[in-house]
Amino acid sequence: EAILRHVLSINEDGQKRCEENTKVFGRPITSWTCLVD
């Protein structure tokens, strides 16, 4: 449950960052990129 809750917080933070980038870049940013090593 703790790991799941942590992943959910990452997704919520991702949505917040998309909104911020929409303002910064002046165009809709509605998703993020994930790089998995």
PDB file of all heavy atoms in Angstrom:
ATOM      1  N   GLU A   1       0.813  -1.208   0.000  1.00  0.00           N
ATOM      2  CA  GLU A   1       0.000   0.000   0.000  1.00  0.00           C
ATOM      3  C   GLU A   1       0.849   1.261   0.000  1.00  0.00           C
ATOM      4  O   GLU A   1       0.501   2.254  -0.629  1.00  0.00           O
ATOM      5  CB  GLU A   1      -0.949   0.003   1.205  1.00  0.00           C
ATOM      6  CG  GLU A   1      -1.967  -1.120   1.213  1.00  0.00           C
ATOM      7  CD  GLU A   1      -2.889  -1.054   0.003  1.00  0.00           C
ATOM      8  OE1 GLU A   1      -3.178   0.064  -0.457  1.00  0.00           O
ATOM      9  OE2 GLU A   1      -3.318  -2.116  -0.470  1.00  0.00           O
ATOM     10  N   ALA A   2       1.955   1.235   0.718  1.00  0.00           N
ATOM     11  CA  ALA A   2       2.830   2.410   0.761  1.00  0.00           C
ATOM     12  C   ALA A   2       3.433   2.680  -0.616  1.00  0.00           C
ATOM     13  O   ALA A   2       3.539   3.841  -1.049  1.00  0.00           O
ATOM     14  CB  ALA A   2       3.933   2.212   1.795  1.00  0.00           C
ATOM     15  N   ILE A   3       3.823   1.631  -1.312  1.00  0.00           N
ATOM     16  CA  ILE A   3       4.379   1.812  -2.655  1.00  0.00           C
ATOM     17  C   ILE A   3       3.310   2.344  -3.601  1.00  0.00           C
ATOM     18  O   ILE A   3       3.557   3.245  -4.407  1.00  0.00           O
ATOM     19  CB  ILE A   3       4.967   0.488  -3.167  1.00  0.00           C
ATOM     20  CG1 ILE A   3       6.196   0.095  -2.324  1.00  0.00           C
ATOM     21  CG2 ILE A   3       5.347   0.592  -4.643  1.00  0.00           C
ATOM     22  CD1 ILE A   3       6.809  -1.230  -2.706  1.00  0.00           C
ATOM     23  N   LEU A   4       2.096   1.793  -3.501  1.00  0.00           N
ATOM     24  CA  LEU A   4       1.005   2.278  -4.340  1.00  0.00           C
ATOM     25  C   LEU A   4       0.715   3.747  -4.054  1.00  0.00           C
ATOM     26  O   LEU A   4       0.563   4.554  -4.979  1.00  0.00           O
ATOM     27  CB  LEU A   4      -0.253   1.437  -4.108  1.00  0.00           C
ATOM     28  CG  LEU A   4      -1.514   1.905  -4.837  1.00  0.00           C
ATOM     29  CD1 LEU A   4      -1.296   1.933  -6.345  1.00  0.00           C
ATOM     30  CD2 LEU A   4      -2.709   1.022  -4.481  1.00  0.00           C
ATOM     31  N   ARG A   5       0.654   4.099  -2.791  1.00  0.00           N
ATOM     32  CA  ARG A   5       0.391   5.487  -2.428  1.00  0.00           C
ATOM     33  C   ARG A   5       1.499   6.412  -2.970  1.00  0.00           C
ATOM     34  O   ARG A   5       1.225   7.523  -3.417  1.00  0.00           O
ATOM     35  CB  ARG A   5       0.271   5.609  -0.910  1.00  0.00           C
ATOM     36  CG  ARG A   5      -0.006   7.016  -0.381  1.00  0.00           C
ATOM     37  CD  ARG A   5      -1.325   7.563  -0.886  1.00  0.00           C
ATOM     38  NE  ARG A   5      -2.474   6.802  -0.486  1.00  0.00           N
ATOM     39  CZ  ARG A   5      -3.246   7.104   0.562  1.00  0.00           C
ATOM     40  NH1 ARG A   5      -2.951   8.145   1.309  1.00  0.00           N
ATOM     41  NH2 ARG A   5      -4.312   6.391   0.840  1.00  0.00           N
ATOM     42  N   HIS A   6       2.732   5.933  -2.928  1.00  0.00           N
ATOM     43  CA  HIS A   6       3.844   6.729  -3.441  1.00  0.00           C
ATOM     44  C   HIS A   6       3.716   6.938  -4.956  1.00  0.00           C
ATOM     45  O   HIS A   6       3.957   8.041  -5.467  1.00  0.00           O
ATOM     46  CB  HIS A   6       5.167   6.043  -3.107  1.00  0.00           C
ATOM     47  CG  HIS A   6       6.371   6.892  -3.357  1.00  0.00           C
ATOM     48  ND1 HIS A   6       6.552   8.121  -2.774  1.00  0.00           N
ATOM     49  CD2 HIS A   6       7.463   6.687  -4.150  1.00  0.00           C
ATOM     50  CE1 HIS A   6       7.693   8.646  -3.176  1.00  0.00           C
ATOM     51  NE2 HIS A   6       8.262   7.797  -4.019  1.00  0.00           N
ATOM     52  N   VAL A   7       3.322   5.895  -5.680  1.00  0.00           N
ATOM     53  CA  VAL A   7       3.136   6.009  -7.126  1.00  0.00           C
ATOM     54  C   VAL A   7       1.997   6.988  -7.445  1.00  0.00           C
ATOM     55  O   VAL A   7       2.081   7.779  -8.389  1.00  0.00           O
ATOM     56  CB  VAL A   7       2.863   4.630  -7.748  1.00  0.00           C
ATOM     57  CG1 VAL A   7       2.480   4.769  -9.220  1.00  0.00           C
ATOM     58  CG2 VAL A   7       4.086   3.726  -7.612  1.00  0.00           C
ATOM     59  N   LEU A   8       0.931   6.944  -6.654  1.00  0.00           N
ATOM     60  CA  LEU A   8      -0.176   7.877  -6.866  1.00  0.00           C
ATOM     61  C   LEU A   8       0.279   9.319  -6.661  1.00  0.00           C
ATOM     62  O   LEU A   8      -0.123  10.225  -7.403  1.00  0.00           O
ATOM     63  CB  LEU A   8      -1.334   7.548  -5.923  1.00  0.00           C
ATOM     64  CG  LEU A   8      -2.009   6.189  -6.107  1.00  0.00           C
ATOM     65  CD1 LEU A   8      -3.178   6.042  -5.150  1.00  0.00           C
ATOM     66  CD2 LEU A   8      -2.475   6.002  -7.540  1.00  0.00           C
ATOM     67  N   SER A   9       1.107   9.547  -5.655  1.00  0.00           N
ATOM     68  CA  SER A   9       1.609  10.907  -5.416  1.00  0.00           C
ATOM     69  C   SER A   9       2.454  11.380  -6.596  1.00  0.00           C
ATOM     70  O   SER A   9       2.434  12.561  -6.951  1.00  0.00           O
ATOM     71  CB  SER A   9       2.415  10.953  -4.115  1.00  0.00           C
ATOM     72  OG  SER A   9       3.647  10.268  -4.240  1.00  0.00           O
ATOM     73  N   ILE A  10       3.187  10.453  -7.219  1.00  0.00           N
ATOM     74  CA  ILE A  10       3.982  10.807  -8.394  1.00  0.00           C
ATOM     75  C   ILE A  10       3.066  11.219  -9.542  1.00  0.00           C
ATOM     76  O   ILE A  10       3.315  12.208 -10.249  1.00  0.00           O
ATOM     77  CB  ILE A  10       4.882   9.624  -8.810  1.00  0.00           C
ATOM     78  CG1 ILE A  10       5.939   9.364  -7.737  1.00  0.00           C
ATOM     79  CG2 ILE A  10       5.546   9.886 -10.160  1.00  0.00           C
ATOM     80  CD1 ILE A  10       6.716   8.074  -7.943  1.00  0.00           C
ATOM     81  N   ASN A  11       1.982  10.483  -9.738  1.00  0.00           N
ATOM     82  CA  ASN A  11       1.043  10.817 -10.801  1.00  0.00           C
ATOM     83  C   ASN A  11       0.355  12.154 -10.542  1.00  0.00           C
ATOM     84  O   ASN A  11       0.139  12.941 -11.472  1.00  0.00           O
ATOM     85  CB  ASN A  11       0.002   9.707 -10.946  1.00  0.00           C
ATOM     86  CG  ASN A  11       0.509   8.531 -11.751  1.00  0.00           C
ATOM     87  OD1 ASN A  11       0.356   8.477 -12.965  1.00  0.00           O
ATOM     88  ND2 ASN A  11       1.111   7.568 -11.073  1.00  0.00           N
ATOM     89  N   GLU A  12      -0.016  12.421  -9.296  1.00  0.00           N
ATOM     90  CA  GLU A  12      -0.624  13.709  -8.974  1.00  0.00           C
ATOM     91  C   GLU A  12       0.363  14.853  -9.208  1.00  0.00           C
ATOM     92  O   GLU A  12      -0.005  15.911  -9.728  1.00  0.00           O
ATOM     93  CB  GLU A  12      -1.090  13.709  -7.512  1.00  0.00           C
ATOM     94  CG  GLU A  12      -2.268  12.794  -7.232  1.00  0.00           C
ATOM     95  CD  GLU A  12      -3.520  13.242  -7.950  1.00  0.00           C
ATOM     96  OE1 GLU A  12      -3.900  14.426  -7.826  1.00  0.00           O
ATOM     97  OE2 GLU A  12      -4.126  12.413  -8.661  1.00  0.00           O
ATOM     98  N   ASP A  13       1.602  14.626  -8.816  1.00  0.00           N
ATOM     99  CA  ASP A  13       2.632  15.637  -9.043  1.00  0.00           C
ATOM    100  C   ASP A  13       2.849  15.857 -10.541  1.00  0.00           C
ATOM    101  O   ASP A  13       3.078  16.986 -10.999  1.00  0.00           O
ATOM    102  CB  ASP A  13       3.934  15.198  -8.368  1.00  0.00           C
ATOM    103  CG  ASP A  13       4.968  16.317  -8.316  1.00  0.00           C
ATOM    104  OD1 ASP A  13       4.585  17.494  -8.454  1.00  0.00           O
ATOM    105  OD2 ASP A  13       6.157  16.017  -8.121  1.00  0.00           O
ATOM    106  N   GLY A  14       2.755  14.771 -11.311  1.00  0.00           N
ATOM    107  CA  GLY A  14       2.920  14.887 -12.757  1.00  0.00           C
ATOM    108  C   GLY A  14       1.854  15.768 -13.389  1.00  0.00           C
ATOM    109  O   GLY A  14       2.144  16.584 -14.276  1.00  0.00           O
ATOM    110  N   GLN A  15       0.604  15.631 -12.962  1.00  0.00           N
ATOM    111  CA  GLN A  15      -0.466  16.477 -13.486  1.00  0.00           C
ATOM    112  C   GLN A  15      -0.218  17.943 -13.143  1.00  0.00           C
ATOM    113  O   GLN A  15      -0.450  18.841 -13.969  1.00  0.00           O
ATOM    114  CB  GLN A  15      -1.814  16.027 -12.927  1.00  0.00           C
ATOM    115  CG  GLN A  15      -2.240  14.659 -13.391  1.00  0.00           C
ATOM    116  CD  GLN A  15      -3.665  14.324 -12.995  1.00  0.00           C
ATOM    117  OE1 GLN A  15      -4.589  15.072 -13.239  1.00  0.00           O
ATOM    118  NE2 GLN A  15      -3.837  13.179 -12.351  1.00  0.00           N
ATOM    119  N   LYS A  16       0.254  18.171 -11.935  1.00  0.00           N
ATOM    120  CA  LYS A  16       0.555  19.543 -11.517  1.00  0.00           C
ATOM    121  C   LYS A  16       1.677  20.136 -12.363  1.00  0.00           C
ATOM    122  O   LYS A  16       1.621  21.304 -12.776  1.00  0.00           O
ATOM    123  CB  LYS A  16       0.945  19.540 -10.035  1.00  0.00           C
ATOM    124  CG  LYS A  16       1.179  20.909  -9.429  1.00  0.00           C
ATOM    125  CD  LYS A  16       1.500  20.789  -7.957  1.00  0.00           C
ATOM    126  CE  LYS A  16       1.776  22.159  -7.345  1.00  0.00           C
ATOM    127  NZ  LYS A  16       2.112  22.046  -5.889  1.00  0.00           N
ATOM    128  N   ARG A  17       2.696  19.346 -12.654  1.00  0.00           N
ATOM    129  CA  ARG A  17       3.809  19.828 -13.474  1.00  0.00           C
ATOM    130  C   ARG A  17       3.364  20.093 -14.919  1.00  0.00           C
ATOM    131  O   ARG A  17       3.875  21.015 -15.571  1.00  0.00           O
ATOM    132  CB  ARG A  17       4.953  18.803 -13.455  1.00  0.00           C
ATOM    133  CG  ARG A  17       5.668  18.725 -12.116  1.00  0.00           C
ATOM    134  CD  ARG A  17       6.645  17.562 -12.058  1.00  0.00           C
ATOM    135  NE  ARG A  17       7.306  17.479 -10.761  1.00  0.00           N
ATOM    136  CZ  ARG A  17       8.484  18.053 -10.476  1.00  0.00           C
ATOM    137  NH1 ARG A  17       9.128  18.728 -11.410  1.00  0.00           N
ATOM    138  NH2 ARG A  17       9.004  17.937  -9.275  1.00  0.00           N
ATOM    139  N   CYS A  18       2.422  19.304 -15.416  1.00  0.00           N
ATOM    140  CA  CYS A  18       1.904  19.544 -16.762  1.00  0.00           C
ATOM    141  C   CYS A  18       1.224  20.911 -16.834  1.00  0.00           C
ATOM    142  O   CYS A  18       1.381  21.649 -17.821  1.00  0.00           O
ATOM    143  CB  CYS A  18       0.918  18.444 -17.155  1.00  0.00           C
ATOM    144  SG  CYS A  18       1.689  16.859 -17.564  1.00  0.00           S
ATOM    145  N   GLU A  19       0.435  21.246 -15.809  1.00  0.00           N
ATOM    146  CA  GLU A  19      -0.223  22.545 -15.777  1.00  0.00           C
ATOM    147  C   GLU A  19       0.805  23.678 -15.760  1.00  0.00           C
ATOM    148  O   GLU A  19       0.636  24.700 -16.448  1.00  0.00           O
ATOM    149  CB  GLU A  19      -1.123  22.633 -14.550  1.00  0.00           C
ATOM    150  CG  GLU A  19      -2.285  21.653 -14.569  1.00  0.00           C
ATOM    151  CD  GLU A  19      -3.078  21.686 -13.275  1.00  0.00           C
ATOM    152  OE1 GLU A  19      -2.856  22.618 -12.472  1.00  0.00           O
ATOM    153  OE2 GLU A  19      -3.915  20.798 -13.066  1.00  0.00           O
ATOM    154  N   GLU A  20       1.864  23.497 -14.983  1.00  0.00           N
ATOM    155  CA  GLU A  20       2.901  24.532 -14.916  1.00  0.00           C
ATOM    156  C   GLU A  20       3.611  24.684 -16.259  1.00  0.00           C
ATOM    157  O   GLU A  20       3.882  25.805 -16.702  1.00  0.00           O
ATOM    158  CB  GLU A  20       3.899  24.175 -13.807  1.00  0.00           C
ATOM    159  CG  GLU A  20       3.293  24.196 -12.406  1.00  0.00           C
ATOM    160  CD  GLU A  20       4.231  23.636 -11.362  1.00  0.00           C
ATOM    161  OE1 GLU A  20       5.283  23.082 -11.762  1.00  0.00           O
ATOM    162  OE2 GLU A  20       3.918  23.733 -10.158  1.00  0.00           O
ATOM    163  N   ASN A  21       3.892  23.565 -16.920  1.00  0.00           N
ATOM    164  CA  ASN A  21       4.575  23.634 -18.212  1.00  0.00           C
ATOM    165  C   ASN A  21       3.682  24.224 -19.303  1.00  0.00           C
ATOM    166  O   ASN A  21       4.169  24.833 -20.258  1.00  0.00           O
ATOM    167  CB  ASN A  21       5.068  22.244 -18.629  1.00  0.00           C
ATOM    168  CG  ASN A  21       6.313  21.828 -17.865  1.00  0.00           C
ATOM    169  OD1 ASN A  21       6.637  22.415 -16.838  1.00  0.00           O
ATOM    170  ND2 ASN A  21       7.015  20.828 -18.360  1.00  0.00           N
ATOM    171  N   THR A  22       2.361  24.028 -19.174  1.00  0.00           N
ATOM    172  CA  THR A  22       1.428  24.650 -20.115  1.00  0.00           C
ATOM    173  C   THR A  22       1.567  26.163 -20.081  1.00  0.00           C
ATOM    174  O   THR A  22       1.558  26.838 -21.115  1.00  0.00           O
ATOM    175  CB  THR A  22      -0.019  24.238 -19.786  1.00  0.00           C
ATOM    176  OG1 THR A  22      -0.168  22.830 -19.996  1.00  0.00           O
ATOM    177  CG2 THR A  22      -1.008  24.971 -20.676  1.00  0.00           C
ATOM    178  N   LYS A  23       1.709  26.715 -18.889  1.00  0.00           N
ATOM    179  CA  LYS A  23       1.887  28.164 -18.749  1.00  0.00           C
ATOM    180  C   LYS A  23       3.262  28.598 -19.265  1.00  0.00           C
ATOM    181  O   LYS A  23       3.385  29.626 -19.929  1.00  0.00           O
ATOM    182  CB  LYS A  23       1.729  28.567 -17.284  1.00  0.00           C
ATOM    183  CG  LYS A  23       0.371  28.249 -16.694  1.00  0.00           C
ATOM    184  CD  LYS A  23       0.333  28.580 -15.213  1.00  0.00           C
ATOM    185  CE  LYS A  23      -0.982  28.176 -14.585  1.00  0.00           C
ATOM    186  NZ  LYS A  23      -1.018  28.442 -13.123  1.00  0.00           N
ATOM    187  N   VAL A  24       4.281  27.795 -18.967  1.00  0.00           N
ATOM    188  CA  VAL A  24       5.648  28.174 -19.343  1.00  0.00           C
ATOM    189  C   VAL A  24       5.836  28.158 -20.858  1.00  0.00           C
ATOM    190  O   VAL A  24       6.405  29.102 -21.436  1.00  0.00           O
ATOM    191  CB  VAL A  24       6.674  27.231 -18.667  1.00  0.00           C
ATOM    192  CG1 VAL A  24       8.072  27.473 -19.217  1.00  0.00           C
ATOM    193  CG2 VAL A  24       6.650  27.419 -17.154  1.00  0.00           C
ATOM    194  N   PHE A  25       5.349  27.110 -21.522  1.00  0.00           N
ATOM    195  CA  PHE A  25       5.610  26.946 -22.949  1.00  0.00           C
ATOM    196  C   PHE A  25       4.528  27.567 -23.827  1.00  0.00           C
ATOM    197  O   PHE A  25       4.686  27.633 -25.045  1.00  0.00           O
ATOM    198  CB  PHE A  25       5.761  25.457 -23.291  1.00  0.00           C
ATOM    199  CG  PHE A  25       7.012  24.838 -22.739  1.00  0.00           C
ATOM    200  CD1 PHE A  25       6.988  24.149 -21.530  1.00  0.00           C
ATOM    201  CD2 PHE A  25       8.223  24.963 -23.400  1.00  0.00           C
ATOM    202  CE1 PHE A  25       8.138  23.580 -21.003  1.00  0.00           C
ATOM    203  CE2 PHE A  25       9.376  24.399 -22.890  1.00  0.00           C
ATOM    204  CZ  PHE A  25       9.341  23.712 -21.682  1.00  0.00           C
ATOM    205  N   GLY A  26       3.419  28.002 -23.226  1.00  0.00           N
ATOM    206  CA  GLY A  26       2.382  28.661 -24.007  1.00  0.00           C
ATOM    207  C   GLY A  26       1.616  27.744 -24.931  1.00  0.00           C
ATOM    208  O   GLY A  26       1.022  28.189 -25.912  1.00  0.00           O
ATOM    209  N   ARG A  27       1.610  26.449 -24.644  1.00  0.00           N
ATOM    210  CA  ARG A  27       0.839  25.488 -25.430  1.00  0.00           C
ATOM    211  C   ARG A  27       0.407  24.355 -24.502  1.00  0.00           C
ATOM    212  O   ARG A  27       0.994  24.156 -23.444  1.00  0.00           O
ATOM    213  CB  ARG A  27       1.660  24.941 -26.593  1.00  0.00           C
ATOM    214  CG  ARG A  27       2.900  24.162 -26.185  1.00  0.00           C
ATOM    215  CD  ARG A  27       3.632  23.598 -27.399  1.00  0.00           C
ATOM    216  NE  ARG A  27       4.764  22.767 -27.027  1.00  0.00           N
ATOM    217  CZ  ARG A  27       5.991  23.217 -26.802  1.00  0.00           C
ATOM    218  NH1 ARG A  27       6.238  24.526 -26.903  1.00  0.00           N
ATOM    219  NH2 ARG A  27       6.970  22.389 -26.479  1.00  0.00           N
ATOM    220  N   PRO A  28      -0.618  23.610 -24.876  1.00  0.00           N
ATOM    221  CA  PRO A  28      -1.124  22.566 -23.974  1.00  0.00           C
ATOM    222  C   PRO A  28      -0.095  21.461 -23.732  1.00  0.00           C
ATOM    223  O   PRO A  28       0.408  20.848 -24.675  1.00  0.00           O
ATOM    224  CB  PRO A  28      -2.347  22.015 -24.714  1.00  0.00           C
ATOM    225  CG  PRO A  28      -2.727  23.083 -25.674  1.00  0.00           C
ATOM    226  CD  PRO A  28      -1.459  23.756 -26.075  1.00  0.00           C
ATOM    227  N   ILE A  29       0.214  21.217 -22.470  1.00  0.00           N
ATOM    228  CA  ILE A  29       1.047  20.081 -22.053  1.00  0.00           C
ATOM    229  C   ILE A  29       0.170  19.239 -21.138  1.00  0.00           C
ATOM    230  O   ILE A  29      -0.112  19.620 -20.005  1.00  0.00           O
ATOM    231  CB  ILE A  29       2.314  20.536 -21.302  1.00  0.00           C
ATOM    232  CG1 ILE A  29       3.108  21.560 -22.118  1.00  0.00           C
ATOM    233  CG2 ILE A  29       3.181  19.335 -20.952  1.00  0.00           C
ATOM    234  CD1 ILE A  29       3.711  21.027 -23.387  1.00  0.00           C
ATOM    235  N   THR A  30      -0.291  18.104 -21.633  1.00  0.00           N
ATOM    236  CA  THR A  30      -1.265  17.309 -20.883  1.00  0.00           C
ATOM    237  C   THR A  30      -0.729  15.956 -20.442  1.00  0.00           C
ATOM    238  O   THR A  30      -1.456  15.178 -19.815  1.00  0.00           O
ATOM    239  CB  THR A  30      -2.527  17.088 -21.736  1.00  0.00           C
ATOM    240  OG1 THR A  30      -2.178  16.403 -22.947  1.00  0.00           O
ATOM    241  CG2 THR A  30      -3.174  18.418 -22.092  1.00  0.00           C
ATOM    242  N   SER A  31       0.517  15.641 -20.773  1.00  0.00           N
ATOM    243  CA  SER A  31       1.073  14.335 -20.400  1.00  0.00           C
ATOM    244  C   SER A  31       2.558  14.485 -20.135  1.00  0.00           C
ATOM    245  O   SER A  31       3.153  15.520 -20.418  1.00  0.00           O
ATOM    246  CB  SER A  31       0.824  13.308 -21.512  1.00  0.00           C
ATOM    247  OG  SER A  31       1.420  13.737 -22.726  1.00  0.00           O
ATOM    248  N   TRP A  32       3.146  13.452 -19.574  1.00  0.00           N
ATOM    249  CA  TRP A  32       4.579  13.493 -19.296  1.00  0.00           C
ATOM    250  C   TRP A  32       5.297  12.312 -19.945  1.00  0.00           C
ATOM    251  O   TRP A  32       4.665  11.357 -20.409  1.00  0.00           O
ATOM    252  CB  TRP A  32       4.851  13.513 -17.789  1.00  0.00           C
ATOM    253  CG  TRP A  32       4.248  12.385 -17.001  1.00  0.00           C
ATOM    254  CD1 TRP A  32       4.752  11.141 -16.823  1.00  0.00           C
ATOM    255  CD2 TRP A  32       3.016  12.422 -16.281  1.00  0.00           C
ATOM    256  NE1 TRP A  32       3.919  10.390 -16.028  1.00  0.00           N
ATOM    257  CE2 TRP A  32       2.848  11.153 -15.674  1.00  0.00           C
ATOM    258  CE3 TRP A  32       2.053  13.392 -16.073  1.00  0.00           C
ATOM    259  CZ2 TRP A  32       1.734  10.848 -14.890  1.00  0.00           C
ATOM    260  CZ3 TRP A  32       0.948  13.093 -15.295  1.00  0.00           C
ATOM    261  CH2 TRP A  32       0.806  11.830 -14.713  1.00  0.00           C
ATOM    262  N   THR A  33       6.607  12.389 -19.951  1.00  0.00           N
ATOM    263  CA  THR A  33       7.449  11.330 -20.516  1.00  0.00           C
ATOM    264  C   THR A  33       8.139  10.582 -19.385  1.00  0.00           C
ATOM    265  O   THR A  33       8.594  11.199 -18.421  1.00  0.00           O
ATOM    266  CB  THR A  33       8.496  11.924 -21.474  1.00  0.00           C
ATOM    267  OG1 THR A  33       7.834  12.468 -22.611  1.00  0.00           O
ATOM    268  CG2 THR A  33       9.489  10.865 -21.941  1.00  0.00           C
ATOM    269  N   CYS A  34       8.191   9.284 -19.524  1.00  0.00           N
ATOM    270  CA  CYS A  34       8.858   8.459 -18.510  1.00  0.00           C
ATOM    271  C   CYS A  34      10.031   7.718 -19.164  1.00  0.00           C
ATOM    272  O   CYS A  34       9.873   7.083 -20.210  1.00  0.00           O
ATOM    273  CB  CYS A  34       7.874   7.462 -17.898  1.00  0.00           C
ATOM    274  SG  CYS A  34       8.571   6.472 -16.550  1.00  0.00           S
ATOM    275  N   LEU A  35      11.193   7.840 -18.558  1.00  0.00           N
ATOM    276  CA  LEU A  35      12.396   7.152 -19.016  1.00  0.00           C
ATOM    277  C   LEU A  35      12.732   6.063 -18.004  1.00  0.00           C
ATOM    278  O   LEU A  35      13.006   6.346 -16.838  1.00  0.00           O
ATOM    279  CB  LEU A  35      13.559   8.136 -19.151  1.00  0.00           C
ATOM    280  CG  LEU A  35      14.950   7.556 -19.438  1.00  0.00           C
ATOM    281  CD1 LEU A  35      14.948   6.785 -20.753  1.00  0.00           C
ATOM    282  CD2 LEU A  35      15.992   8.655 -19.462  1.00  0.00           C
ATOM    283  N   VAL A  36      12.687   4.807 -18.445  1.00  0.00           N
ATOM    284  CA  VAL A  36      12.922   3.665 -17.555  1.00  0.00           C
ATOM    285  C   VAL A  36      14.245   3.008 -17.927  1.00  0.00           C
ATOM    286  O   VAL A  36      14.432   2.541 -19.062  1.00  0.00           O
ATOM    287  CB  VAL A  36      11.770   2.644 -17.654  1.00  0.00           C
ATOM    288  CG1 VAL A  36      12.032   1.471 -16.708  1.00  0.00           C
ATOM    289  CG2 VAL A  36      10.436   3.292 -17.327  1.00  0.00           C
ATOM    290  N   ASP A  37      15.143   2.965 -16.961  1.00  0.00           N
ATOM    291  CA  ASP A  37      16.443   2.316 -17.150  1.00  0.00           C
ATOM    292  C   ASP A  37      16.388   0.930 -16.521  1.00  0.00           C
ATOM    293  O   ASP A  37      16.158   0.785 -15.313  1.00  0.00           O
ATOM    294  CB  ASP A  37      17.539   3.159 -16.501  1.00  0.00           C
ATOM    295  CG  ASP A  37      18.911   2.514 -16.644  1.00  0.00           C
ATOM    296  OD1 ASP A  37      19.072   1.648 -17.523  1.00  0.00           O
ATOM    297  OD2 ASP A  37      19.816   2.879 -15.856  1.00  0.00           O
TER     298      ASP A  37
END
